[in-house]
Amino acid sequence: MHEATTPGGLPDTITPLGDEIFAIDTKMAGYEGITSSYLIRTERPCVVEVGTAGSAPVLHDALTRLGVSPQDLATVVVTHIHLDHAGGTGDIARLFPNAEIVVHERGARHLADPSRLMRSARMVWGERLDVLFGEMSPTEATRIRAVDTGGEIDLGGGRRLTAYYSPGHAKHHVGLVDSATGDLYVGDAVGVYNPHTGDVRPATPPPDFDLDAGLESLRLFGDISPRRLMFSHFGAVEKVEETLERAVVELRAWVEAVRKARTSSAGDLDHAVAMVREQVRRRYRPLPEDAPADSQRVLEILSGVEGNVAGISHWLDQVEADQAADRSAR
């Protein structure tokens, strides 16, 4: 079977976005339309997001097609260390030996030694972990640079990426702004964008989800006034203000739905999941007939009702515990 190509001769999993930016579908678990990496092909080529360990060969092949040799790649940046964004970091570091690896300071040690991260992930995903993500390989600590808000990545020619700490989805999350284009690489801080419907839905996994932090990150992104939102799931979005506003509405709606479900289900998580699924399914447009059903099923696993409810419930438990502690201290 021949690989489908664009009019420019590139495979249809590589999308030119202008200004020497290319979106690369890293085909998580073999499915298209789930995880996206971005190549900024400048004097100092930079990749934002690498996808899973299983996606590393796909990303390597795409970079080769785009003229980036193993010696050329200057920087790899991951918005956070979840396995669908950073699971292939160690493999890509090995394939591109000159690249500096950039991550938020709270995630740096886990790239150098992913054993704890992998143990936690296996507890959550079980046997599905090997199929969905694969095994994260360690990255040499000397090649890792930790950043926080204001940290810069030199792209050459005066162009740079600037990091902005953006927790809520994860405590080790940064957004990245391209000084030449105004594009904002949002990771999962805005949620999951469905290019088939235009919907954006929250990504609120345990254990780090925090509503207040998430809303503050969305306000920060609005203040930045980016030209485009570059989603890791999935693609570039030009309707910035509308999408950020929708992300706020959806985040609040999901938290309120879980709050109500917990009250009516007396703490039964499965019952709460069922109630929330019924409440939220009407919020989103139906998929068109030509949308890849298998990819959508994997997206449901990554950011579906069960995972989102678990993360929101975990946060609500913490809020209630903090409130109880405050009452006891009075």
C-alpha atoms as a PDB file:
ATOM      1  CA  MET A   1       0.000   0.000   0.000  1.00  0.00           C
ATOM      2  CA  HIS A   2       1.362   3.418  -0.979  1.00  0.00           C
ATOM      3  CA  GLU A   3       1.549   6.173   1.594  1.00  0.00           C
ATOM      4  CA  ALA A   4      -0.930   8.981   0.938  1.00  0.00           C
ATOM      5  CA  THR A   5       0.795  12.272   0.134  1.00  0.00           C
ATOM      6  CA  THR A   6      -0.080  15.947   0.014  1.00  0.00           C
ATOM      7  CA  PRO A   7       0.304  18.065  -3.157  1.00  0.00           C
ATOM      8  CA  GLY A   8       3.716  19.109  -1.820  1.00  0.00           C
ATOM      9  CA  GLY A   9       4.887  15.504  -1.803  1.00  0.00           C
ATOM     10  CA  LEU A  10       4.768  15.063   1.963  1.00  0.00           C
ATOM     11  CA  PRO A  11       2.850  12.201   3.581  1.00  0.00           C
ATOM     12  CA  ASP A  12      -0.598  13.276   4.719  1.00  0.00           C
ATOM     13  CA  THR A  13       0.512  12.820   8.345  1.00  0.00           C
ATOM     14  CA  ILE A  14       2.714  15.934   7.935  1.00  0.00           C
ATOM     15  CA  THR A  15       0.887  19.261   7.677  1.00  0.00           C
ATOM     16  CA  PRO A  16       2.756  22.463   6.711  1.00  0.00           C
ATOM     17  CA  LEU A  17       1.455  25.355   8.825  1.00  0.00           C
ATOM     18  CA  GLY A  18       3.567  28.198   7.445  1.00  0.00           C
ATOM     19  CA  ASP A  19       6.596  29.952   8.938  1.00  0.00           C
ATOM     20  CA  GLU A  20       8.571  26.698   8.718  1.00  0.00           C
ATOM     21  CA  ILE A  21       6.220  24.956  11.156  1.00  0.00           C
ATOM     22  CA  PHE A  22       5.014  21.419  10.472  1.00  0.00           C
ATOM     23  CA  ALA A  23       2.455  19.412  12.428  1.00  0.00           C
ATOM     24  CA  ILE A  24       3.408  15.736  12.580  1.00  0.00           C
ATOM     25  CA  ASP A  25       0.826  13.092  13.403  1.00  0.00           C
ATOM     26  CA  THR A  26       2.789  10.667  15.580  1.00  0.00           C
ATOM     27  CA  LYS A  27       0.146   7.940  15.139  1.00  0.00           C
ATOM     28  CA  MET A  28      -0.248   6.895  18.746  1.00  0.00           C
ATOM     29  CA  ALA A  29      -0.784   3.125  18.967  1.00  0.00           C
ATOM     30  CA  GLY A  30      -0.955   3.159  15.160  1.00  0.00           C
ATOM     31  CA  TYR A  31      -3.964   5.483  14.970  1.00  0.00           C
ATOM     32  CA  GLU A  32      -4.065   8.824  13.215  1.00  0.00           C
ATOM     33  CA  GLY A  33      -5.489  12.019  14.647  1.00  0.00           C
ATOM     34  CA  ILE A  34      -4.640  11.518  18.329  1.00  0.00           C
ATOM     35  CA  THR A  35      -1.205  12.982  19.090  1.00  0.00           C
ATOM     36  CA  SER A  36       0.613  15.766  17.295  1.00  0.00           C
ATOM     37  CA  SER A  37       4.226  16.859  17.417  1.00  0.00           C
ATOM     38  CA  TYR A  38       5.398  20.095  15.847  1.00  0.00           C
ATOM     39  CA  LEU A  39       8.660  20.793  14.033  1.00  0.00           C
ATOM     40  CA  ILE A  40       9.863  24.398  13.922  1.00  0.00           C
ATOM     41  CA  ARG A  41      12.426  24.154  11.106  1.00  0.00           C
ATOM     42  CA  THR A  42      14.679  27.121  11.765  1.00  0.00           C
ATOM     43  CA  GLU A  43      18.437  27.652  12.091  1.00  0.00           C
ATOM     44  CA  ARG A  44      18.160  25.640  15.280  1.00  0.00           C
ATOM     45  CA  PRO A  45      15.419  23.094  14.532  1.00  0.00           C
ATOM     46  CA  CYS A  46      13.112  22.356  17.449  1.00  0.00           C
ATOM     47  CA  VAL A  47      10.477  19.697  18.085  1.00  0.00           C
ATOM     48  CA  VAL A  48       7.615  20.399  20.469  1.00  0.00           C
ATOM     49  CA  GLU A  49       6.160  17.148  21.915  1.00  0.00           C
ATOM     50  CA  VAL A  50       7.418  13.702  20.939  1.00  0.00           C
ATOM     51  CA  GLY A  51       4.424  11.464  21.609  1.00  0.00           C
ATOM     52  CA  THR A  52       4.730   7.981  23.047  1.00  0.00           C
ATOM     53  CA  ALA A  53       7.677   5.609  22.989  1.00  0.00           C
ATOM     54  CA  GLY A  54       5.871   3.699  20.246  1.00  0.00           C
ATOM     55  CA  SER A  55       5.645   6.918  18.218  1.00  0.00           C
ATOM     56  CA  ALA A  56       9.400   7.615  18.230  1.00  0.00           C
ATOM     57  CA  PRO A  57      10.067   5.809  14.906  1.00  0.00           C
ATOM     58  CA  VAL A  58       7.176   7.699  13.296  1.00  0.00           C
ATOM     59  CA  LEU A  59       8.553  11.037  14.461  1.00  0.00           C
ATOM     60  CA  HIS A  60      12.076  10.102  13.388  1.00  0.00           C
ATOM     61  CA  ASP A  61      10.879   9.203   9.889  1.00  0.00           C
ATOM     62  CA  ALA A  62       8.887  12.429   9.602  1.00  0.00           C
ATOM     63  CA  LEU A  63      11.838  14.581  10.650  1.00  0.00           C
ATOM     64  CA  THR A  64      14.001  12.784   8.108  1.00  0.00           C
ATOM     65  CA  ARG A  65      11.418  13.503   5.389  1.00  0.00           C
ATOM     66  CA  LEU A  66      11.542  17.163   6.419  1.00  0.00           C
ATOM     67  CA  GLY A  67      15.312  17.302   6.064  1.00  0.00           C
ATOM     68  CA  VAL A  68      16.291  17.186   9.729  1.00  0.00           C
ATOM     69  CA  SER A  69      19.208  14.810  10.180  1.00  0.00           C
ATOM     70  CA  PRO A  70      20.204  13.142  13.458  1.00  0.00           C
ATOM     71  CA  GLN A  71      22.923  15.780  13.923  1.00  0.00           C
ATOM     72  CA  ASP A  72      20.706  18.753  13.053  1.00  0.00           C
ATOM     73  CA  LEU A  73      17.981  18.732  15.687  1.00  0.00           C
ATOM     74  CA  ALA A  74      18.872  21.343  18.314  1.00  0.00           C
ATOM     75  CA  THR A  75      16.042  21.088  20.827  1.00  0.00           C
ATOM     76  CA  VAL A  76      13.207  18.840  21.964  1.00  0.00           C
ATOM     77  CA  VAL A  77      10.603  20.455  24.226  1.00  0.00           C
ATOM     78  CA  VAL A  78       7.778  18.639  25.979  1.00  0.00           C
ATOM     79  CA  THR A  79       4.891  20.566  27.522  1.00  0.00           C
ATOM     80  CA  HIS A  80       4.642  18.003  30.320  1.00  0.00           C
ATOM     81  CA  ILE A  81       5.774  14.487  31.109  1.00  0.00           C
ATOM     82  CA  HIS A  82       2.595  12.442  30.559  1.00  0.00           C
ATOM     83  CA  LEU A  83       3.383   9.460  28.372  1.00  0.00           C
ATOM     84  CA  ASP A  84       1.308  10.558  25.380  1.00  0.00           C
ATOM     85  CA  HIS A  85       3.440  13.728  25.186  1.00  0.00           C
ATOM     86  CA  ALA A  86       6.854  12.725  26.489  1.00  0.00           C
ATOM     87  CA  GLY A  87       6.956   8.919  26.495  1.00  0.00           C
ATOM     88  CA  GLY A  88       9.317   8.841  23.510  1.00  0.00           C
ATOM     89  CA  THR A  89      11.749  11.441  24.867  1.00  0.00           C
ATOM     90  CA  GLY A  90      14.528   9.007  25.723  1.00  0.00           C
ATOM     91  CA  ASP A  91      14.273   7.290  22.335  1.00  0.00           C
ATOM     92  CA  ILE A  92      14.263  10.577  20.420  1.00  0.00           C
ATOM     93  CA  ALA A  93      17.208  11.821  22.502  1.00  0.00           C
ATOM     94  CA  ARG A  94      19.131   8.719  21.466  1.00  0.00           C
ATOM     95  CA  LEU A  95      18.211   9.136  17.779  1.00  0.00           C
ATOM     96  CA  PHE A  96      19.117  12.850  17.779  1.00  0.00           C
ATOM     97  CA  PRO A  97      22.253  12.989  19.947  1.00  0.00           C
ATOM     98  CA  ASN A  98      22.840  16.765  19.752  1.00  0.00           C
ATOM     99  CA  ALA A  99      19.372  17.831  20.879  1.00  0.00           C
ATOM    100  CA  GLU A 100      18.894  19.520  24.234  1.00  0.00           C
ATOM    101  CA  ILE A 101      15.813  18.237  26.075  1.00  0.00           C
ATOM    102  CA  VAL A 102      13.673  20.953  27.685  1.00  0.00           C
ATOM    103  CA  VAL A 103      10.942  20.323  30.266  1.00  0.00           C
ATOM    104  CA  HIS A 104       9.400  22.067  33.258  1.00  0.00           C
ATOM    105  CA  GLU A 105      11.556  21.822  36.363  1.00  0.00           C
ATOM    106  CA  ARG A 106       9.028  19.573  38.126  1.00  0.00           C
ATOM    107  CA  GLY A 107       9.286  16.988  35.359  1.00  0.00           C
ATOM    108  CA  ALA A 108      13.036  16.933  34.730  1.00  0.00           C
ATOM    109  CA  ARG A 109      13.936  14.165  37.171  1.00  0.00           C
ATOM    110  CA  HIS A 110      11.270  11.872  35.731  1.00  0.00           C
ATOM    111  CA  LEU A 111      12.791  12.111  32.257  1.00  0.00           C
ATOM    112  CA  ALA A 112      16.181  11.183  33.694  1.00  0.00           C
ATOM    113  CA  ASP A 113      14.720   8.320  35.720  1.00  0.00           C
ATOM    114  CA  PRO A 114      11.228   7.355  34.513  1.00  0.00           C
ATOM    115  CA  SER A 115      10.896   4.314  36.776  1.00  0.00           C
ATOM    116  CA  ARG A 116       8.493   5.958  39.229  1.00  0.00           C
ATOM    117  CA  LEU A 117       6.456   7.456  36.401  1.00  0.00           C
ATOM    118  CA  MET A 118       6.202   4.083  34.673  1.00  0.00           C
ATOM    119  CA  ARG A 119       5.148   2.308  37.886  1.00  0.00           C
ATOM    120  CA  SER A 120       2.360   4.833  38.414  1.00  0.00           C
ATOM    121  CA  ALA A 121       1.263   4.595  34.783  1.00  0.00           C
ATOM    122  CA  ARG A 122       1.153   0.804  34.904  1.00  0.00           C
ATOM    123  CA  MET A 123      -1.066   0.954  37.992  1.00  0.00           C
ATOM    124  CA  VAL A 124      -3.508   3.129  36.045  1.00  0.00           C
ATOM    125  CA  TRP A 125      -3.369   1.481  32.619  1.00  0.00           C
ATOM    126  CA  GLY A 126      -2.412  -2.119  33.359  1.00  0.00           C
ATOM    127  CA  GLU A 127      -1.859  -4.207  30.229  1.00  0.00           C
ATOM    128  CA  ARG A 128      -3.140  -1.370  28.030  1.00  0.00           C
ATOM    129  CA  LEU A 129       0.014   0.608  28.815  1.00  0.00           C
ATOM    130  CA  ASP A 130       2.210  -1.450  26.474  1.00  0.00           C
ATOM    131  CA  VAL A 131      -0.199  -1.057  23.557  1.00  0.00           C
ATOM    132  CA  LEU A 132      -1.005   2.615  24.072  1.00  0.00           C
ATOM    133  CA  PHE A 133       2.302   4.041  25.251  1.00  0.00           C
ATOM    134  CA  GLY A 134       5.204   1.599  25.401  1.00  0.00           C
ATOM    135  CA  GLU A 135       8.091   1.921  27.846  1.00  0.00           C
ATOM    136  CA  MET A 136       9.716   5.316  28.426  1.00  0.00           C
ATOM    137  CA  SER A 137      13.519   5.144  28.211  1.00  0.00           C
ATOM    138  CA  PRO A 138      15.654   7.369  30.433  1.00  0.00           C
ATOM    139  CA  THR A 139      17.251  10.528  29.051  1.00  0.00           C
ATOM    140  CA  GLU A 140      20.790  11.489  30.029  1.00  0.00           C
ATOM    141  CA  ALA A 141      20.483  13.991  32.855  1.00  0.00           C
ATOM    142  CA  THR A 142      23.241  16.169  31.392  1.00  0.00           C
ATOM    143  CA  ARG A 143      21.103  16.775  28.294  1.00  0.00           C
ATOM    144  CA  ILE A 144      18.011  17.931  30.192  1.00  0.00           C
ATOM    145  CA  ARG A 145      17.322  21.625  30.821  1.00  0.00           C
ATOM    146  CA  ALA A 146      14.614  22.541  33.302  1.00  0.00           C
ATOM    147  CA  VAL A 147      12.580  25.704  32.718  1.00  0.00           C
ATOM    148  CA  ASP A 148       9.825  27.704  34.358  1.00  0.00           C
ATOM    149  CA  THR A 149       7.965  30.839  33.251  1.00  0.00           C
ATOM    150  CA  GLY A 150      10.303  33.031  31.213  1.00  0.00           C
ATOM    151  CA  GLY A 151      12.594  30.202  30.173  1.00  0.00           C
ATOM    152  CA  GLU A 152      13.617  30.560  26.525  1.00  0.00           C
ATOM    153  CA  ILE A 153      14.512  28.150  23.742  1.00  0.00           C
ATOM    154  CA  ASP A 154      16.750  29.624  21.052  1.00  0.00           C
ATOM    155  CA  LEU A 155      15.444  28.831  17.566  1.00  0.00           C
ATOM    156  CA  GLY A 156      18.132  30.862  15.798  1.00  0.00           C
ATOM    157  CA  GLY A 157      17.913  34.116  13.882  1.00  0.00           C
ATOM    158  CA  GLY A 158      16.459  35.930  16.895  1.00  0.00           C
ATOM    159  CA  ARG A 159      13.455  33.598  17.017  1.00  0.00           C
ATOM    160  CA  ARG A 160      12.652  31.884  20.299  1.00  0.00           C
ATOM    161  CA  LEU A 161      10.095  29.944  22.293  1.00  0.00           C
ATOM    162  CA  THR A 162       9.193  31.305  25.716  1.00  0.00           C
ATOM    163  CA  ALA A 163       7.812  29.005  28.405  1.00  0.00           C
ATOM    164  CA  TYR A 164       4.819  29.857  30.616  1.00  0.00           C
ATOM    165  CA  TYR A 165       4.026  27.704  33.614  1.00  0.00           C
ATOM    166  CA  SER A 166       0.440  26.508  33.144  1.00  0.00           C
ATOM    167  CA  PRO A 167      -0.703  23.971  35.769  1.00  0.00           C
ATOM    168  CA  GLY A 168      -4.214  22.645  36.226  1.00  0.00           C
ATOM    169  CA  HIS A 169      -3.900  19.587  34.017  1.00  0.00           C
ATOM    170  CA  ALA A 170      -0.488  18.742  35.485  1.00  0.00           C
ATOM    171  CA  LYS A 171       1.906  20.359  37.957  1.00  0.00           C
ATOM    172  CA  HIS A 172       4.745  20.009  35.437  1.00  0.00           C
ATOM    173  CA  HIS A 173       3.039  21.747  32.500  1.00  0.00           C
ATOM    174  CA  VAL A 174       4.262  24.657  30.377  1.00  0.00           C
ATOM    175  CA  GLY A 175       2.809  26.452  27.385  1.00  0.00           C
ATOM    176  CA  LEU A 176       5.229  27.760  24.757  1.00  0.00           C
ATOM    177  CA  VAL A 177       4.972  30.949  22.675  1.00  0.00           C
ATOM    178  CA  ASP A 178       6.784  31.401  19.348  1.00  0.00           C
ATOM    179  CA  SER A 179       8.173  34.944  19.186  1.00  0.00           C
ATOM    180  CA  ALA A 180       8.016  35.040  15.374  1.00  0.00           C
ATOM    181  CA  THR A 181       4.435  33.850  14.908  1.00  0.00           C
ATOM    182  CA  GLY A 182       2.587  34.312  18.182  1.00  0.00           C
ATOM    183  CA  ASP A 183       1.605  30.641  18.122  1.00  0.00           C
ATOM    184  CA  LEU A 184       0.975  29.089  21.537  1.00  0.00           C
ATOM    185  CA  TYR A 185       1.724  25.394  22.066  1.00  0.00           C
ATOM    186  CA  VAL A 186      -0.888  24.502  24.673  1.00  0.00           C
ATOM    187  CA  GLY A 187      -0.157  20.857  25.540  1.00  0.00           C
ATOM    188  CA  ASP A 188      -3.242  19.711  27.466  1.00  0.00           C
ATOM    189  CA  ALA A 189      -3.866  22.931  29.401  1.00  0.00           C
ATOM    190  CA  VAL A 190      -6.774  23.932  27.113  1.00  0.00           C
ATOM    191  CA  GLY A 191      -8.078  20.375  26.807  1.00  0.00           C
ATOM    192  CA  VAL A 192      -8.573  18.078  23.842  1.00  0.00           C
ATOM    193  CA  TYR A 193      -9.642  19.626  20.527  1.00  0.00           C
ATOM    194  CA  ASN A 194     -11.617  17.549  18.049  1.00  0.00           C
ATOM    195  CA  PRO A 195     -10.875  18.814  14.523  1.00  0.00           C
ATOM    196  CA  HIS A 196     -13.833  16.824  13.136  1.00  0.00           C
ATOM    197  CA  THR A 197     -16.391  18.725  15.211  1.00  0.00           C
ATOM    198  CA  GLY A 198     -14.631  21.839  16.505  1.00  0.00           C
ATOM    199  CA  ASP A 199     -15.404  20.815  20.090  1.00  0.00           C
ATOM    200  CA  VAL A 200     -12.945  21.186  22.949  1.00  0.00           C
ATOM    201  CA  ARG A 201     -13.361  19.078  26.050  1.00  0.00           C
ATOM    202  CA  PRO A 202     -11.428  19.094  29.326  1.00  0.00           C
ATOM    203  CA  ALA A 203      -8.511  16.848  30.206  1.00  0.00           C
ATOM    204  CA  THR A 204      -8.701  16.444  33.985  1.00  0.00           C
ATOM    205  CA  PRO A 205      -6.789  13.295  34.971  1.00  0.00           C
ATOM    206  CA  PRO A 206      -5.709  12.394  38.494  1.00  0.00           C
ATOM    207  CA  PRO A 207      -3.678  13.148  40.483  1.00  0.00           C
ATOM    208  CA  ASP A 208      -2.814  16.726  39.478  1.00  0.00           C
ATOM    209  CA  PHE A 209      -6.064  18.231  38.215  1.00  0.00           C
ATOM    210  CA  ASP A 210      -6.836  21.522  39.941  1.00  0.00           C
ATOM    211  CA  LEU A 211      -9.783  23.650  38.794  1.00  0.00           C
ATOM    212  CA  ASP A 212      -8.483  26.966  40.097  1.00  0.00           C
ATOM    213  CA  ALA A 213      -5.039  26.434  38.587  1.00  0.00           C
ATOM    214  CA  GLY A 214      -6.583  25.324  35.300  1.00  0.00           C
ATOM    215  CA  LEU A 215      -8.781  28.406  35.049  1.00  0.00           C
ATOM    216  CA  GLU A 216      -5.817  30.634  35.879  1.00  0.00           C
ATOM    217  CA  SER A 217      -3.791  29.001  33.088  1.00  0.00           C
ATOM    218  CA  LEU A 218      -6.623  29.639  30.628  1.00  0.00           C
ATOM    219  CA  ARG A 219      -6.718  33.300  31.732  1.00  0.00           C
ATOM    220  CA  LEU A 220      -2.967  33.487  31.204  1.00  0.00           C
ATOM    221  CA  PHE A 221      -3.310  32.075  27.695  1.00  0.00           C
ATOM    222  CA  GLY A 222      -5.999  34.643  26.935  1.00  0.00           C
ATOM    223  CA  ASP A 223      -3.729  37.461  28.162  1.00  0.00           C
ATOM    224  CA  ILE A 224      -0.962  36.219  25.864  1.00  0.00           C
ATOM    225  CA  SER A 225      -3.337  36.744  22.889  1.00  0.00           C
ATOM    226  CA  PRO A 226      -1.781  34.084  20.666  1.00  0.00           C
ATOM    227  CA  ARG A 227      -2.303  33.911  16.914  1.00  0.00           C
ATOM    228  CA  ARG A 228      -3.063  30.187  16.994  1.00  0.00           C
ATOM    229  CA  LEU A 229      -3.479  27.460  19.579  1.00  0.00           C
ATOM    230  CA  MET A 230      -1.295  24.469  18.763  1.00  0.00           C
ATOM    231  CA  PHE A 231      -3.002  21.483  20.362  1.00  0.00           C
ATOM    232  CA  SER A 232      -1.178  18.258  21.112  1.00  0.00           C
ATOM    233  CA  HIS A 233      -4.606  16.622  20.723  1.00  0.00           C
ATOM    234  CA  PHE A 234      -5.086  17.675  17.943  1.00  0.00           C
ATOM    235  CA  GLY A 235      -3.948  20.308  15.470  1.00  0.00           C
ATOM    236  CA  ALA A 236      -3.675  24.079  14.989  1.00  0.00           C
ATOM    237  CA  VAL A 237      -6.704  26.229  15.820  1.00  0.00           C
ATOM    238  CA  GLU A 238      -7.141  29.836  14.660  1.00  0.00           C
ATOM    239  CA  LYS A 239     -10.343  30.635  16.582  1.00  0.00           C
ATOM    240  CA  VAL A 240      -8.351  31.471  19.692  1.00  0.00           C
ATOM    241  CA  GLU A 241     -10.709  33.572  21.794  1.00  0.00           C
ATOM    242  CA  GLU A 242     -13.721  31.390  21.020  1.00  0.00           C
ATOM    243  CA  THR A 243     -11.822  28.207  21.827  1.00  0.00           C
ATOM    244  CA  LEU A 244     -10.413  29.501  25.118  1.00  0.00           C
ATOM    245  CA  GLU A 245     -13.854  30.712  26.181  1.00  0.00           C
ATOM    246  CA  ARG A 246     -15.328  27.326  25.333  1.00  0.00           C
ATOM    247  CA  ALA A 247     -12.573  25.602  27.315  1.00  0.00           C
ATOM    248  CA  VAL A 248     -13.529  27.610  30.421  1.00  0.00           C
ATOM    249  CA  VAL A 249     -17.222  26.805  29.982  1.00  0.00           C
ATOM    250  CA  GLU A 250     -16.548  23.088  29.499  1.00  0.00           C
ATOM    251  CA  LEU A 251     -14.186  22.864  32.452  1.00  0.00           C
ATOM    252  CA  ARG A 252     -16.703  24.467  34.782  1.00  0.00           C
ATOM    253  CA  ALA A 253     -19.540  22.345  33.386  1.00  0.00           C
ATOM    254  CA  TRP A 254     -17.673  19.073  33.946  1.00  0.00           C
ATOM    255  CA  VAL A 255     -16.704  19.988  37.501  1.00  0.00           C
ATOM    256  CA  GLU A 256     -20.282  20.946  38.309  1.00  0.00           C
ATOM    257  CA  ALA A 257     -21.585  17.721  36.733  1.00  0.00           C
ATOM    258  CA  VAL A 258     -19.187  15.629  38.839  1.00  0.00           C
ATOM    259  CA  ARG A 259     -20.040  17.604  41.966  1.00  0.00           C
ATOM    260  CA  LYS A 260     -23.762  16.918  41.489  1.00  0.00           C
ATOM    261  CA  ALA A 261     -23.183  13.277  40.576  1.00  0.00           C
ATOM    262  CA  ARG A 262     -21.091  12.684  43.703  1.00  0.00           C
ATOM    263  CA  THR A 263     -23.874  14.088  45.847  1.00  0.00           C
ATOM    264  CA  SER A 264     -26.590  11.950  44.232  1.00  0.00           C
ATOM    265  CA  SER A 265     -24.494   8.791  43.979  1.00  0.00           C
ATOM    266  CA  ALA A 266     -23.309   8.838  47.615  1.00  0.00           C
ATOM    267  CA  GLY A 267     -19.650   8.543  46.607  1.00  0.00           C
ATOM    268  CA  ASP A 268     -20.083   5.614  44.189  1.00  0.00           C
ATOM    269  CA  LEU A 269     -17.570   6.501  41.449  1.00  0.00           C
ATOM    270  CA  ASP A 270     -19.046   4.132  38.838  1.00  0.00           C
ATOM    271  CA  HIS A 271     -22.482   5.620  39.384  1.00  0.00           C
ATOM    272  CA  ALA A 272     -21.029   9.125  39.138  1.00  0.00           C
ATOM    273  CA  VAL A 273     -19.289   8.216  35.855  1.00  0.00           C
ATOM    274  CA  ALA A 274     -22.571   6.958  34.399  1.00  0.00           C
ATOM    275  CA  MET A 275     -24.416  10.090  35.486  1.00  0.00           C
ATOM    276  CA  VAL A 276     -21.774  12.436  34.103  1.00  0.00           C
ATOM    277  CA  ARG A 277     -21.594  10.526  30.817  1.00  0.00           C
ATOM    278  CA  GLU A 278     -25.304  11.094  30.321  1.00  0.00           C
ATOM    279  CA  GLN A 279     -25.035  14.774  31.268  1.00  0.00           C
ATOM    280  CA  VAL A 280     -22.095  15.636  29.010  1.00  0.00           C
ATOM    281  CA  ARG A 281     -22.748  13.553  25.900  1.00  0.00           C
ATOM    282  CA  ARG A 282     -25.282  16.097  24.650  1.00  0.00           C
ATOM    283  CA  ARG A 283     -22.698  18.884  24.865  1.00  0.00           C
ATOM    284  CA  TYR A 284     -20.743  17.699  21.835  1.00  0.00           C
ATOM    285  CA  ARG A 285     -21.504  17.456  18.151  1.00  0.00           C
ATOM    286  CA  PRO A 286     -21.798  13.979  16.608  1.00  0.00           C
ATOM    287  CA  LEU A 287     -18.823  12.802  14.608  1.00  0.00           C
ATOM    288  CA  PRO A 288     -19.120  12.994  10.828  1.00  0.00           C
ATOM    289  CA  GLU A 289     -19.351   9.656   9.052  1.00  0.00           C
ATOM    290  CA  ASP A 290     -15.844   9.901   7.643  1.00  0.00           C
ATOM    291  CA  ALA A 291     -14.189  10.419  11.065  1.00  0.00           C
ATOM    292  CA  PRO A 292     -11.887   7.523  12.052  1.00  0.00           C
ATOM    293  CA  ALA A 293     -13.858   5.641  14.690  1.00  0.00           C
ATOM    294  CA  ASP A 294     -10.832   3.745  16.056  1.00  0.00           C
ATOM    295  CA  SER A 295      -8.930   6.964  16.734  1.00  0.00           C
ATOM    296  CA  GLN A 296     -11.934   8.417  18.518  1.00  0.00           C
ATOM    297  CA  ARG A 297     -12.130   5.346  20.747  1.00  0.00           C
ATOM    298  CA  VAL A 298      -8.506   5.799  21.784  1.00  0.00           C
ATOM    299  CA  LEU A 299      -9.163   9.489  22.486  1.00  0.00           C
ATOM    300  CA  GLU A 300     -12.056   8.416  24.700  1.00  0.00           C
ATOM    301  CA  ILE A 301      -9.628   6.259  26.654  1.00  0.00           C
ATOM    302  CA  LEU A 302      -7.127   9.122  27.012  1.00  0.00           C
ATOM    303  CA  SER A 303      -9.584  11.862  27.912  1.00  0.00           C
ATOM    304  CA  GLY A 304     -12.932  10.219  28.344  1.00  0.00           C
ATOM    305  CA  VAL A 305     -15.549  10.445  31.038  1.00  0.00           C
ATOM    306  CA  GLU A 306     -14.018   7.852  33.365  1.00  0.00           C
ATOM    307  CA  GLY A 307     -10.587   9.485  33.562  1.00  0.00           C
ATOM    308  CA  ASN A 308     -11.964  13.011  33.769  1.00  0.00           C
ATOM    309  CA  VAL A 309     -14.408  12.093  36.541  1.00  0.00           C
ATOM    310  CA  ALA A 310     -11.642  10.365  38.504  1.00  0.00           C
ATOM    311  CA  GLY A 311      -9.431  13.444  38.302  1.00  0.00           C
ATOM    312  CA  ILE A 312     -12.190  15.866  39.252  1.00  0.00           C
ATOM    313  CA  SER A 313     -13.294  13.610  42.117  1.00  0.00           C
ATOM    314  CA  HIS A 314      -9.733  13.466  43.413  1.00  0.00           C
ATOM    315  CA  TRP A 315      -9.582  17.275  43.372  1.00  0.00           C
ATOM    316  CA  LEU A 316     -12.965  17.580  45.115  1.00  0.00           C
ATOM    317  CA  ASP A 317     -11.763  15.182  47.820  1.00  0.00           C
ATOM    318  CA  GLN A 318      -8.757  17.430  48.408  1.00  0.00           C
ATOM    319  CA  VAL A 319     -10.941  20.549  48.532  1.00  0.00           C
ATOM    320  CA  GLU A 320     -13.254  18.922  51.090  1.00  0.00           C
ATOM    321  CA  ALA A 321     -10.297  17.749  53.178  1.00  0.00           C
ATOM    322  CA  ASP A 322      -8.791  21.255  53.150  1.00  0.00           C
ATOM    323  CA  GLN A 323     -12.118  22.782  54.167  1.00  0.00           C
ATOM    324  CA  ALA A 324     -12.452  20.281  57.036  1.00  0.00           C
ATOM    325  CA  ALA A 325      -8.924  21.066  58.210  1.00  0.00           C
ATOM    326  CA  ASP A 326      -9.701  24.803  58.144  1.00  0.00           C
ATOM    327  CA  ARG A 327     -12.830  24.273  60.243  1.00  0.00           C
ATOM    328  CA  SER A 328     -10.893  22.200  62.760  1.00  0.00           C
ATOM    329  CA  ALA A 329      -8.214  24.884  63.031  1.00  0.00           C
ATOM    330  CA  ARG A 330     -10.722  27.610  63.983  1.00  0.00           C
END
